[in-house]
C-alpha atoms as a PDB file:
ATOM      1  CA  UNK A   1      -6.402 -23.455  17.865  1.00  0.00           C
ATOM      2  CA  UNK A   2      -4.792 -23.182  21.234  1.00  0.00           C
ATOM      3  CA  UNK A   3      -5.856 -20.808  24.124  1.00  0.00           C
ATOM      4  CA  UNK A   4      -4.100 -19.311  26.954  1.00  0.00           C
ATOM      5  CA  UNK A   5      -4.231 -16.582  29.677  1.00  0.00           C
ATOM      6  CA  UNK A   6      -3.463 -12.890  28.846  1.00  0.00           C
ATOM      7  CA  UNK A   7      -0.650 -12.696  31.056  1.00  0.00           C
ATOM      8  CA  UNK A   8      -1.547 -13.309  34.612  1.00  0.00           C
ATOM      9  CA  UNK A   9      -5.155 -12.114  34.059  1.00  0.00           C
ATOM     10  CA  UNK A  10      -8.259 -14.396  34.105  1.00  0.00           C
ATOM     11  CA  UNK A  11      -8.905 -13.557  30.542  1.00  0.00           C
ATOM     12  CA  UNK A  12      -8.430 -16.378  28.105  1.00  0.00           C
ATOM     13  CA  UNK A  13      -7.450 -15.559  24.491  1.00  0.00           C
ATOM     14  CA  UNK A  14      -6.818 -17.563  21.339  1.00  0.00           C
ATOM     15  CA  UNK A  15      -3.010 -17.706  20.712  1.00  0.00           C
ATOM     16  CA  UNK A  16      -3.576 -15.794  17.370  1.00  0.00           C
ATOM     17  CA  UNK A  17      -5.156 -12.311  17.562  1.00  0.00           C
ATOM     18  CA  UNK A  18      -6.629 -11.071  14.276  1.00  0.00           C
ATOM     19  CA  UNK A  19      -5.748  -7.369  13.582  1.00  0.00           C
ATOM     20  CA  UNK A  20      -8.701  -5.563  12.069  1.00  0.00           C
ATOM     21  CA  UNK A  21      -6.661  -2.583  10.846  1.00  0.00           C
ATOM     22  CA  UNK A  22      -6.634  -4.363   7.392  1.00  0.00           C
ATOM     23  CA  UNK A  23     -10.450  -3.582   7.027  1.00  0.00           C
ATOM     24  CA  UNK A  24     -11.738  -0.172   6.415  1.00  0.00           C
ATOM     25  CA  UNK A  25     -11.504   2.281   3.735  1.00  0.00           C
ATOM     26  CA  UNK A  26      -9.272   1.504   0.706  1.00  0.00           C
ATOM     27  CA  UNK A  27      -9.073   5.232  -0.193  1.00  0.00           C
ATOM     28  CA  UNK A  28      -7.180   5.955   3.052  1.00  0.00           C
ATOM     29  CA  UNK A  29      -4.740   2.885   2.723  1.00  0.00           C
ATOM     30  CA  UNK A  30      -4.616   1.078  -0.759  1.00  0.00           C
ATOM     31  CA  UNK A  31      -4.180  -2.285   0.822  1.00  0.00           C
ATOM     32  CA  UNK A  32      -7.225  -1.956   3.172  1.00  0.00           C
ATOM     33  CA  UNK A  33     -10.077  -4.343   2.316  1.00  0.00           C
ATOM     34  CA  UNK A  34     -13.868  -3.630   2.329  1.00  0.00           C
ATOM     35  CA  UNK A  35     -16.289  -5.174   4.647  1.00  0.00           C
ATOM     36  CA  UNK A  36     -17.455  -7.491   1.807  1.00  0.00           C
ATOM     37  CA  UNK A  37     -13.866  -8.364   1.028  1.00  0.00           C
ATOM     38  CA  UNK A  38     -13.031  -8.962   4.701  1.00  0.00           C
ATOM     39  CA  UNK A  39     -15.989 -11.124   5.816  1.00  0.00           C
ATOM     40  CA  UNK A  40     -14.648 -14.516   4.273  1.00  0.00           C
ATOM     41  CA  UNK A  41     -11.204 -13.811   5.810  1.00  0.00           C
ATOM     42  CA  UNK A  42     -12.632 -13.102   9.368  1.00  0.00           C
ATOM     43  CA  UNK A  43     -15.057 -15.980   8.783  1.00  0.00           C
ATOM     44  CA  UNK A  44     -11.994 -18.399   8.145  1.00  0.00           C
ATOM     45  CA  UNK A  45     -10.327 -17.067  11.418  1.00  0.00           C
ATOM     46  CA  UNK A  46     -13.460 -17.658  13.386  1.00  0.00           C
ATOM     47  CA  UNK A  47     -13.859 -21.178  11.845  1.00  0.00           C
ATOM     48  CA  UNK A  48     -10.244 -21.946  12.885  1.00  0.00           C
ATOM     49  CA  UNK A  49     -10.993 -21.085  16.549  1.00  0.00           C
ATOM     50  CA  UNK A  50      -9.554 -17.348  16.600  1.00  0.00           C
ATOM     51  CA  UNK A  51     -11.588 -15.554  19.388  1.00  0.00           C
ATOM     52  CA  UNK A  52      -9.368 -12.554  19.990  1.00  0.00           C
ATOM     53  CA  UNK A  53      -9.844  -9.459  17.681  1.00  0.00           C
ATOM     54  CA  UNK A  54      -7.846  -6.158  17.845  1.00  0.00           C
ATOM     55  CA  UNK A  55      -8.808  -2.714  16.437  1.00  0.00           C
ATOM     56  CA  UNK A  56      -8.592   0.978  17.171  1.00  0.00           C
ATOM     57  CA  UNK A  57     -10.690   4.006  16.789  1.00  0.00           C
ATOM     58  CA  UNK A  58      -8.087   5.638  14.418  1.00  0.00           C
ATOM     59  CA  UNK A  59      -8.047   2.804  11.851  1.00  0.00           C
ATOM     60  CA  UNK A  60      -9.806   4.074   8.740  1.00  0.00           C
ATOM     61  CA  UNK A  61     -11.184   6.965  10.721  1.00  0.00           C
ATOM     62  CA  UNK A  62     -13.547   4.813  12.892  1.00  0.00           C
ATOM     63  CA  UNK A  63     -14.727   2.499  10.011  1.00  0.00           C
ATOM     64  CA  UNK A  64     -12.614  -0.335  10.994  1.00  0.00           C
ATOM     65  CA  UNK A  65     -14.428  -0.480  14.363  1.00  0.00           C
ATOM     66  CA  UNK A  66     -17.849  -0.360  12.621  1.00  0.00           C
ATOM     67  CA  UNK A  67     -16.846  -3.223  10.287  1.00  0.00           C
ATOM     68  CA  UNK A  68     -15.320  -5.144  13.263  1.00  0.00           C
ATOM     69  CA  UNK A  69     -18.661  -4.815  15.171  1.00  0.00           C
ATOM     70  CA  UNK A  70     -20.824  -5.928  12.309  1.00  0.00           C
ATOM     71  CA  UNK A  71     -18.710  -8.880  11.190  1.00  0.00           C
ATOM     72  CA  UNK A  72     -18.385 -10.189  14.697  1.00  0.00           C
ATOM     73  CA  UNK A  73     -21.935  -9.705  15.380  1.00  0.00           C
ATOM     74  CA  UNK A  74     -22.756 -11.822  12.312  1.00  0.00           C
ATOM     75  CA  UNK A  75     -20.180 -14.540  12.933  1.00  0.00           C
ATOM     76  CA  UNK A  76     -20.553 -15.209  16.630  1.00  0.00           C
ATOM     77  CA  UNK A  77     -23.914 -16.353  18.344  1.00  0.00           C
ATOM     78  CA  UNK A  78     -22.955 -14.498  21.599  1.00  0.00           C
ATOM     79  CA  UNK A  79     -20.951 -11.489  22.586  1.00  0.00           C
ATOM     80  CA  UNK A  80     -19.114 -13.506  25.233  1.00  0.00           C
ATOM     81  CA  UNK A  81     -17.837 -15.864  22.745  1.00  0.00           C
ATOM     82  CA  UNK A  82     -15.060 -13.518  21.523  1.00  0.00           C
ATOM     83  CA  UNK A  83     -12.444 -11.024  22.991  1.00  0.00           C
ATOM     84  CA  UNK A  84     -12.719  -7.509  21.631  1.00  0.00           C
ATOM     85  CA  UNK A  85      -9.863  -5.032  21.937  1.00  0.00           C
ATOM     86  CA  UNK A  86      -9.618  -1.393  20.837  1.00  0.00           C
ATOM     87  CA  UNK A  87      -7.500   1.623  21.558  1.00  0.00           C
ATOM     88  CA  UNK A  88      -7.550   5.329  22.334  1.00  0.00           C
ATOM     89  CA  UNK A  89      -4.868   8.072  21.836  1.00  0.00           C
ATOM     90  CA  UNK A  90      -4.643   9.081  18.142  1.00  0.00           C
ATOM     91  CA  UNK A  91      -6.372  12.178  16.718  1.00  0.00           C
ATOM     92  CA  UNK A  92     -10.128  11.728  15.910  1.00  0.00           C
ATOM     93  CA  UNK A  93     -11.117  15.266  15.088  1.00  0.00           C
ATOM     94  CA  UNK A  94      -9.671  18.834  14.654  1.00  0.00           C
ATOM     95  CA  UNK A  95     -10.158  19.829  18.192  1.00  0.00           C
ATOM     96  CA  UNK A  96      -7.348  20.089  20.777  1.00  0.00           C
ATOM     97  CA  UNK A  97      -9.144  17.578  22.941  1.00  0.00           C
ATOM     98  CA  UNK A  98      -9.798  15.166  20.180  1.00  0.00           C
ATOM     99  CA  UNK A  99      -6.566  13.281  20.879  1.00  0.00           C
ATOM    100  CA  UNK A 100      -4.200  12.182  23.623  1.00  0.00           C
ATOM    101  CA  UNK A 101      -4.907  10.409  26.963  1.00  0.00           C
ATOM    102  CA  UNK A 102      -6.734  13.395  28.906  1.00  0.00           C
ATOM    103  CA  UNK A 103      -9.836  12.444  30.900  1.00  0.00           C
ATOM    104  CA  UNK A 104     -12.091  14.269  28.306  1.00  0.00           C
ATOM    105  CA  UNK A 105     -10.781  12.386  25.415  1.00  0.00           C
ATOM    106  CA  UNK A 106     -10.760   8.934  26.985  1.00  0.00           C
ATOM    107  CA  UNK A 107     -14.343   9.210  28.209  1.00  0.00           C
ATOM    108  CA  UNK A 108     -15.550  10.513  24.888  1.00  0.00           C
ATOM    109  CA  UNK A 109     -13.567   8.026  22.980  1.00  0.00           C
ATOM    110  CA  UNK A 110     -14.763   4.863  24.806  1.00  0.00           C
ATOM    111  CA  UNK A 111     -18.423   5.852  24.199  1.00  0.00           C
ATOM    112  CA  UNK A 112     -17.749   6.601  20.449  1.00  0.00           C
ATOM    113  CA  UNK A 113     -15.878   3.307  20.218  1.00  0.00           C
ATOM    114  CA  UNK A 114     -18.706   1.434  21.639  1.00  0.00           C
ATOM    115  CA  UNK A 115     -21.241   3.020  19.325  1.00  0.00           C
ATOM    116  CA  UNK A 116     -19.156   2.148  16.299  1.00  0.00           C
ATOM    117  CA  UNK A 117     -18.496  -1.380  17.641  1.00  0.00           C
ATOM    118  CA  UNK A 118     -22.329  -1.813  18.550  1.00  0.00           C
ATOM    119  CA  UNK A 119     -21.696  -3.092  21.903  1.00  0.00           C
ATOM    120  CA  UNK A 120     -22.000  -2.094  25.459  1.00  0.00           C
ATOM    121  CA  UNK A 121     -18.338  -3.022  26.379  1.00  0.00           C
ATOM    122  CA  UNK A 122     -14.826  -4.066  25.094  1.00  0.00           C
ATOM    123  CA  UNK A 123     -12.924  -6.713  26.728  1.00  0.00           C
ATOM    124  CA  UNK A 124      -9.494  -4.854  26.444  1.00  0.00           C
ATOM    125  CA  UNK A 125      -9.222  -1.041  26.267  1.00  0.00           C
ATOM    126  CA  UNK A 126      -5.692   0.072  25.272  1.00  0.00           C
ATOM    127  CA  UNK A 127      -3.722   3.391  25.268  1.00  0.00           C
ATOM    128  CA  UNK A 128      -2.356   3.451  21.765  1.00  0.00           C
ATOM    129  CA  UNK A 129       0.745   5.385  22.824  1.00  0.00           C
ATOM    130  CA  UNK A 130       2.176   7.315  25.668  1.00  0.00           C
ATOM    131  CA  UNK A 131       0.954  10.954  26.097  1.00  0.00           C
ATOM    132  CA  UNK A 132       3.684  13.129  27.406  1.00  0.00           C
ATOM    133  CA  UNK A 133       1.298  16.133  27.733  1.00  0.00           C
ATOM    134  CA  UNK A 134      -1.071  14.413  30.147  1.00  0.00           C
ATOM    135  CA  UNK A 135      -0.262  13.315  33.833  1.00  0.00           C
ATOM    136  CA  UNK A 136      -0.268   9.563  33.876  1.00  0.00           C
ATOM    137  CA  UNK A 137      -2.277   9.910  37.189  1.00  0.00           C
ATOM    138  CA  UNK A 138      -5.185  11.451  35.215  1.00  0.00           C
ATOM    139  CA  UNK A 139      -4.926   8.847  32.454  1.00  0.00           C
ATOM    140  CA  UNK A 140      -5.011   5.891  34.897  1.00  0.00           C
ATOM    141  CA  UNK A 141      -7.924   7.416  36.704  1.00  0.00           C
ATOM    142  CA  UNK A 142     -10.018   8.024  33.710  1.00  0.00           C
ATOM    143  CA  UNK A 143      -9.274   4.252  32.534  1.00  0.00           C
ATOM    144  CA  UNK A 144     -10.255   3.084  36.050  1.00  0.00           C
ATOM    145  CA  UNK A 145     -13.678   4.975  35.608  1.00  0.00           C
ATOM    146  CA  UNK A 146     -14.093   3.243  32.259  1.00  0.00           C
ATOM    147  CA  UNK A 147     -13.613  -0.169  33.815  1.00  0.00           C
ATOM    148  CA  UNK A 148     -15.874   0.691  36.832  1.00  0.00           C
ATOM    149  CA  UNK A 149     -18.520   1.787  34.587  1.00  0.00           C
ATOM    150  CA  UNK A 150     -18.540  -1.538  32.971  1.00  0.00           C
ATOM    151  CA  UNK A 151     -17.338  -0.272  29.493  1.00  0.00           C
ATOM    152  CA  UNK A 152     -14.180  -2.258  29.553  1.00  0.00           C
ATOM    153  CA  UNK A 153     -13.282  -5.520  31.266  1.00  0.00           C
ATOM    154  CA  UNK A 154      -9.475  -4.902  31.305  1.00  0.00           C
ATOM    155  CA  UNK A 155      -6.963  -2.223  30.197  1.00  0.00           C
ATOM    156  CA  UNK A 156      -3.889  -2.476  28.155  1.00  0.00           C
ATOM    157  CA  UNK A 157      -1.038  -0.281  26.772  1.00  0.00           C
ATOM    158  CA  UNK A 158       1.105  -0.149  23.461  1.00  0.00           C
ATOM    159  CA  UNK A 159       4.471   0.782  22.508  1.00  0.00           C
ATOM    160  CA  UNK A 160       6.407   3.054  25.114  1.00  0.00           C
ATOM    161  CA  UNK A 161       9.537   2.909  27.206  1.00  0.00           C
ATOM    162  CA  UNK A 162       9.830   0.230  29.978  1.00  0.00           C
ATOM    163  CA  UNK A 163      10.115   3.057  32.546  1.00  0.00           C
ATOM    164  CA  UNK A 164       6.902   4.712  31.370  1.00  0.00           C
ATOM    165  CA  UNK A 165       5.085   1.358  31.615  1.00  0.00           C
ATOM    166  CA  UNK A 166       6.465   0.691  35.065  1.00  0.00           C
ATOM    167  CA  UNK A 167       5.396   4.285  36.139  1.00  0.00           C
ATOM    168  CA  UNK A 168       1.904   3.790  34.935  1.00  0.00           C
ATOM    169  CA  UNK A 169       1.566   0.439  36.754  1.00  0.00           C
ATOM    170  CA  UNK A 170       2.906   1.897  39.929  1.00  0.00           C
ATOM    171  CA  UNK A 171       0.405   4.773  39.691  1.00  0.00           C
ATOM    172  CA  UNK A 172      -2.410   2.407  39.220  1.00  0.00           C
ATOM    173  CA  UNK A 173      -1.475   0.347  42.184  1.00  0.00           C
ATOM    174  CA  UNK A 174      -1.061   3.473  44.454  1.00  0.00           C
ATOM    175  CA  UNK A 175      -4.582   4.754  43.365  1.00  0.00           C
ATOM    176  CA  UNK A 176      -6.132   1.256  43.795  1.00  0.00           C
ATOM    177  CA  UNK A 177      -7.100   1.208  40.129  1.00  0.00           C
ATOM    178  CA  UNK A 178      -6.746  -1.496  37.538  1.00  0.00           C
ATOM    179  CA  UNK A 179      -3.287  -2.196  36.300  1.00  0.00           C
ATOM    180  CA  UNK A 180      -2.533  -2.865  32.591  1.00  0.00           C
ATOM    181  CA  UNK A 181      -3.085  -6.485  31.699  1.00  0.00           C
ATOM    182  CA  UNK A 182      -1.310  -6.431  28.328  1.00  0.00           C
ATOM    183  CA  UNK A 183       1.402  -4.685  26.348  1.00  0.00           C
ATOM    184  CA  UNK A 184       0.976  -4.442  22.553  1.00  0.00           C
ATOM    185  CA  UNK A 185       4.518  -3.684  21.455  1.00  0.00           C
ATOM    186  CA  UNK A 186       6.751  -3.804  18.407  1.00  0.00           C
ATOM    187  CA  UNK A 187       8.369  -7.255  18.455  1.00  0.00           C
ATOM    188  CA  UNK A 188       9.431  -9.676  15.845  1.00  0.00           C
ATOM    189  CA  UNK A 189      12.562 -11.487  14.546  1.00  0.00           C
ATOM    190  CA  UNK A 190      14.095  -8.467  13.048  1.00  0.00           C
ATOM    191  CA  UNK A 191      13.138  -6.156  15.905  1.00  0.00           C
ATOM    192  CA  UNK A 192      14.011  -7.587  19.358  1.00  0.00           C
ATOM    193  CA  UNK A 193      15.015  -4.544  21.337  1.00  0.00           C
ATOM    194  CA  UNK A 194      11.911  -5.142  23.533  1.00  0.00           C
ATOM    195  CA  UNK A 195      13.823  -8.146  25.020  1.00  0.00           C
ATOM    196  CA  UNK A 196      16.259  -5.721  26.828  1.00  0.00           C
ATOM    197  CA  UNK A 197      13.725  -4.161  29.326  1.00  0.00           C
ATOM    198  CA  UNK A 198      10.013  -4.462  28.333  1.00  0.00           C
ATOM    199  CA  UNK A 199       9.675  -8.189  27.958  1.00  0.00           C
ATOM    200  CA  UNK A 200      11.496  -8.865  31.328  1.00  0.00           C
ATOM    201  CA  UNK A 201       9.205  -6.230  32.931  1.00  0.00           C
ATOM    202  CA  UNK A 202       6.149  -7.948  31.499  1.00  0.00           C
ATOM    203  CA  UNK A 203       7.318 -11.333  32.693  1.00  0.00           C
ATOM    204  CA  UNK A 204       7.927  -9.952  36.206  1.00  0.00           C
ATOM    205  CA  UNK A 205       4.494  -8.142  36.332  1.00  0.00           C
ATOM    206  CA  UNK A 206       2.429 -10.871  34.833  1.00  0.00           C
ATOM    207  CA  UNK A 207       1.599  -8.720  31.731  1.00  0.00           C
ATOM    208  CA  UNK A 208       0.614 -10.436  28.423  1.00  0.00           C
ATOM    209  CA  UNK A 209       2.478  -9.360  25.441  1.00  0.00           C
ATOM    210  CA  UNK A 210       0.475  -9.107  22.216  1.00  0.00           C
ATOM    211  CA  UNK A 211       2.964  -7.903  19.619  1.00  0.00           C
ATOM    212  CA  UNK A 212       2.058  -5.764  16.626  1.00  0.00           C
ATOM    213  CA  UNK A 213       3.765  -6.323  13.272  1.00  0.00           C
ATOM    214  CA  UNK A 214       4.866  -9.851  14.144  1.00  0.00           C
ATOM    215  CA  UNK A 215       5.873 -10.334  10.461  1.00  0.00           C
ATOM    216  CA  UNK A 216       7.635  -7.103  10.275  1.00  0.00           C
ATOM    217  CA  UNK A 217       5.068  -5.433   7.993  1.00  0.00           C
ATOM    218  CA  UNK A 218       5.398  -8.533   5.740  1.00  0.00           C
ATOM    219  CA  UNK A 219       9.120  -8.543   5.497  1.00  0.00           C
ATOM    220  CA  UNK A 220       9.312 -11.884   7.206  1.00  0.00           C
ATOM    221  CA  UNK A 221       6.699 -13.227   4.899  1.00  0.00           C
ATOM    222  CA  UNK A 222       8.690 -12.451   1.786  1.00  0.00           C
ATOM    223  CA  UNK A 223       6.764  -9.429   0.463  1.00  0.00           C
ATOM    224  CA  UNK A 224      10.144  -7.484  -0.144  1.00  0.00           C
ATOM    225  CA  UNK A 225      13.531  -8.283  -1.322  1.00  0.00           C
ATOM    226  CA  UNK A 226      16.946  -6.643  -1.163  1.00  0.00           C
ATOM    227  CA  UNK A 227      17.331  -3.561  -3.199  1.00  0.00           C
ATOM    228  CA  UNK A 228      13.760  -2.261  -2.724  1.00  0.00           C
ATOM    229  CA  UNK A 229      11.859  -4.756  -4.733  1.00  0.00           C
ATOM    230  CA  UNK A 230       8.221  -4.931  -3.444  1.00  0.00           C
ATOM    231  CA  UNK A 231       5.871  -7.755  -4.202  1.00  0.00           C
ATOM    232  CA  UNK A 232       2.522  -6.573  -2.672  1.00  0.00           C
ATOM    233  CA  UNK A 233       0.375  -3.539  -2.675  1.00  0.00           C
ATOM    234  CA  UNK A 234       0.944  -3.017   0.950  1.00  0.00           C
ATOM    235  CA  UNK A 235       4.761  -3.402   0.731  1.00  0.00           C
ATOM    236  CA  UNK A 236       4.822  -0.718  -1.953  1.00  0.00           C
ATOM    237  CA  UNK A 237       2.616   1.837  -0.169  1.00  0.00           C
ATOM    238  CA  UNK A 238       3.716   1.553   3.402  1.00  0.00           C
ATOM    239  CA  UNK A 239       6.301   4.370   4.198  1.00  0.00           C
ATOM    240  CA  UNK A 240       6.102   3.542   7.849  1.00  0.00           C
ATOM    241  CA  UNK A 241       7.859   0.285   7.254  1.00  0.00           C
ATOM    242  CA  UNK A 242      10.942   2.077   5.773  1.00  0.00           C
ATOM    243  CA  UNK A 243      11.233   3.858   9.225  1.00  0.00           C
ATOM    244  CA  UNK A 244      11.361   0.537  11.043  1.00  0.00           C
ATOM    245  CA  UNK A 245      13.513  -1.806   8.917  1.00  0.00           C
ATOM    246  CA  UNK A 246      16.611  -1.584   6.773  1.00  0.00           C
ATOM    247  CA  UNK A 247      18.847  -3.572   4.320  1.00  0.00           C
ATOM    248  CA  UNK A 248      20.732  -5.433   7.140  1.00  0.00           C
ATOM    249  CA  UNK A 249      17.378  -7.104   8.245  1.00  0.00           C
ATOM    250  CA  UNK A 250      17.372  -9.269   5.054  1.00  0.00           C
ATOM    251  CA  UNK A 251      19.991 -11.387   6.647  1.00  0.00           C
ATOM    252  CA  UNK A 252      17.298 -12.449   9.166  1.00  0.00           C
ATOM    253  CA  UNK A 253      14.797 -12.841   6.190  1.00  0.00           C
ATOM    254  CA  UNK A 254      17.229 -15.223   4.501  1.00  0.00           C
ATOM    255  CA  UNK A 255      17.495 -17.328   7.692  1.00  0.00           C
ATOM    256  CA  UNK A 256      13.734 -17.611   7.925  1.00  0.00           C
ATOM    257  CA  UNK A 257      13.576 -18.575   4.399  1.00  0.00           C
ATOM    258  CA  UNK A 258      16.257 -21.347   4.943  1.00  0.00           C
ATOM    259  CA  UNK A 259      14.434 -22.829   7.940  1.00  0.00           C
ATOM    260  CA  UNK A 260      11.081 -22.689   6.135  1.00  0.00           C
ATOM    261  CA  UNK A 261      12.324 -24.631   3.075  1.00  0.00           C
ATOM    262  CA  UNK A 262      13.760 -27.248   5.353  1.00  0.00           C
ATOM    263  CA  UNK A 263      10.393 -27.523   7.144  1.00  0.00           C
ATOM    264  CA  UNK A 264       8.434 -27.352   3.803  1.00  0.00           C
ATOM    265  CA  UNK A 265       6.208 -24.378   5.067  1.00  0.00           C
ATOM    266  CA  UNK A 266       5.936 -20.805   4.108  1.00  0.00           C
ATOM    267  CA  UNK A 267       8.365 -18.422   5.945  1.00  0.00           C
ATOM    268  CA  UNK A 268       5.369 -16.578   7.696  1.00  0.00           C
ATOM    269  CA  UNK A 269       4.649 -19.839   9.701  1.00  0.00           C
ATOM    270  CA  UNK A 270       8.402 -20.032  10.859  1.00  0.00           C
ATOM    271  CA  UNK A 271       8.523 -16.384  11.850  1.00  0.00           C
ATOM    272  CA  UNK A 272       5.201 -16.632  13.895  1.00  0.00           C
ATOM    273  CA  UNK A 273       6.101 -19.966  15.463  1.00  0.00           C
ATOM    274  CA  UNK A 274       9.307 -18.288  16.706  1.00  0.00           C
ATOM    275  CA  UNK A 275       7.361 -15.472  18.297  1.00  0.00           C
ATOM    276  CA  UNK A 276       4.643 -17.597  19.774  1.00  0.00           C
ATOM    277  CA  UNK A 277       7.390 -19.515  21.700  1.00  0.00           C
ATOM    278  CA  UNK A 278       8.900 -16.340  23.232  1.00  0.00           C
ATOM    279  CA  UNK A 279       8.365 -15.714  26.966  1.00  0.00           C
ATOM    280  CA  UNK A 280       5.483 -13.458  27.885  1.00  0.00           C
ATOM    281  CA  UNK A 281       4.000 -13.689  24.466  1.00  0.00           C
ATOM    282  CA  UNK A 282       0.269 -14.459  24.668  1.00  0.00           C
ATOM    283  CA  UNK A 283      -0.816 -13.828  21.101  1.00  0.00           C
ATOM    284  CA  UNK A 284       0.735 -11.995  18.243  1.00  0.00           C
ATOM    285  CA  UNK A 285      -1.608  -9.604  16.361  1.00  0.00           C
ATOM    286  CA  UNK A 286      -1.779 -10.869  12.814  1.00  0.00           C
ATOM    287  CA  UNK A 287      -3.119  -8.786   9.834  1.00  0.00           C
ATOM    288  CA  UNK A 288      -4.786 -10.801   7.190  1.00  0.00           C
ATOM    289  CA  UNK A 289      -5.752  -9.754   3.610  1.00  0.00           C
ATOM    290  CA  UNK A 290      -5.838 -13.245   2.137  1.00  0.00           C
ATOM    291  CA  UNK A 291      -7.239 -16.567   3.323  1.00  0.00           C
ATOM    292  CA  UNK A 292      -3.907 -17.939   3.266  1.00  0.00           C
ATOM    293  CA  UNK A 293      -2.597 -15.302   5.872  1.00  0.00           C
ATOM    294  CA  UNK A 294      -5.089 -16.864   8.330  1.00  0.00           C
ATOM    295  CA  UNK A 295      -4.114 -20.330   7.504  1.00  0.00           C
ATOM    296  CA  UNK A 296      -0.453 -19.633   7.997  1.00  0.00           C
ATOM    297  CA  UNK A 297      -1.091 -17.927  11.436  1.00  0.00           C
ATOM    298  CA  UNK A 298      -3.208 -20.874  12.730  1.00  0.00           C
ATOM    299  CA  UNK A 299      -0.590 -23.526  11.502  1.00  0.00           C
ATOM    300  CA  UNK A 300       2.130 -21.629  13.282  1.00  0.00           C
ATOM    301  CA  UNK A 301       0.420 -22.273  16.583  1.00  0.00           C
ATOM    302  CA  UNK A 302       1.254 -25.990  16.206  1.00  0.00           C
ATOM    303  CA  UNK A 303       4.769 -25.529  14.633  1.00  0.00           C
ATOM    304  CA  UNK A 304       7.489 -26.300  17.170  1.00  0.00           C
ATOM    305  CA  UNK A 305      10.976 -25.241  16.069  1.00  0.00           C
ATOM    306  CA  UNK A 306      13.990 -27.141  17.387  1.00  0.00           C
ATOM    307  CA  UNK A 307      16.879 -25.510  19.184  1.00  0.00           C
ATOM    308  CA  UNK A 308      19.068 -25.606  16.204  1.00  0.00           C
ATOM    309  CA  UNK A 309      16.439 -23.842  13.981  1.00  0.00           C
ATOM    310  CA  UNK A 310      16.013 -21.310  16.689  1.00  0.00           C
ATOM    311  CA  UNK A 311      19.648 -20.660  16.840  1.00  0.00           C
ATOM    312  CA  UNK A 312      19.804 -20.205  13.143  1.00  0.00           C
ATOM    313  CA  UNK A 313      16.889 -17.672  13.072  1.00  0.00           C
ATOM    314  CA  UNK A 314      18.386 -15.726  15.914  1.00  0.00           C
ATOM    315  CA  UNK A 315      22.033 -15.634  14.790  1.00  0.00           C
ATOM    316  CA  UNK A 316      21.898 -12.851  12.093  1.00  0.00           C
ATOM    317  CA  UNK A 317      20.167 -10.321  14.419  1.00  0.00           C
ATOM    318  CA  UNK A 318      21.640  -6.887  14.627  1.00  0.00           C
ATOM    319  CA  UNK A 319      20.711  -4.346  17.339  1.00  0.00           C
ATOM    320  CA  UNK A 320      18.341  -1.526  16.157  1.00  0.00           C
ATOM    321  CA  UNK A 321      17.755   1.954  17.531  1.00  0.00           C
ATOM    322  CA  UNK A 322      14.463   2.197  19.488  1.00  0.00           C
ATOM    323  CA  UNK A 323      11.643   2.231  16.658  1.00  0.00           C
ATOM    324  CA  UNK A 324       7.894   2.140  16.810  1.00  0.00           C
ATOM    325  CA  UNK A 325       7.105   4.256  19.744  1.00  0.00           C
ATOM    326  CA  UNK A 326       5.870   7.236  17.739  1.00  0.00           C
END
């Protein structure tokens, strides 16, 4: 495993981040694993040197955080041996203040997340989306209070427009508060719209990019074929994927397969290796429901693509409408 800085911050992370959304309640998502099923997979990641783990309060209605806390508590000797990230924004109850990025919800949510995670702090506390109903000044002040209280070491953001991210960073600076150290955005070989504005902004501002869906919900790993054929439980029960990708994206999938065959490795390794080599990317967030998923992610860290392979992978790309902010 390789390690690097999260952007320009002093936080060192493994080049692979294990996404913990895959572990929780199978009754909510059919492809979700129970704690017992997840333990050997997370254990394999830890053995391989993964020290960066990402979850959110909304995943399996809080159960993902509970499982994450218990597993990492068993698998690591010390809390300081791993980097723990979670998020706030999504509805966590029926009340009007049980959602969003208002001060009341943020301060209640960090305490609830810490209880579920069984820890006194998270290393990275992220806003899951932009909240158009709350002044960004209120959000940044509340996040600053979370950091000053020692409940989070750094703050991060997730999918939004570049102008929104720039505004939030400017507000933080003007109010002498912490700025976002990371951007968790939608970025992979079949969705590269972030290269227009967000990636250059992150490079300029020293923000670490930790992309979600680095394999395009499994598309780049071969979980689906043209014509709607689905090969896994998740591919067959993930309506969100249908809002992100379309038939034209299989041209990119074909290119990944061609390069993978030439290398003698699974397509997932090629797709992740391409992403790991992109400017500003600190660590893709990889979901794993099989041991092989972890193995592919770890192997991708050492896979170096040559310029001809990169050109072949990038050539079929077609621009997309902006997707993944909702």
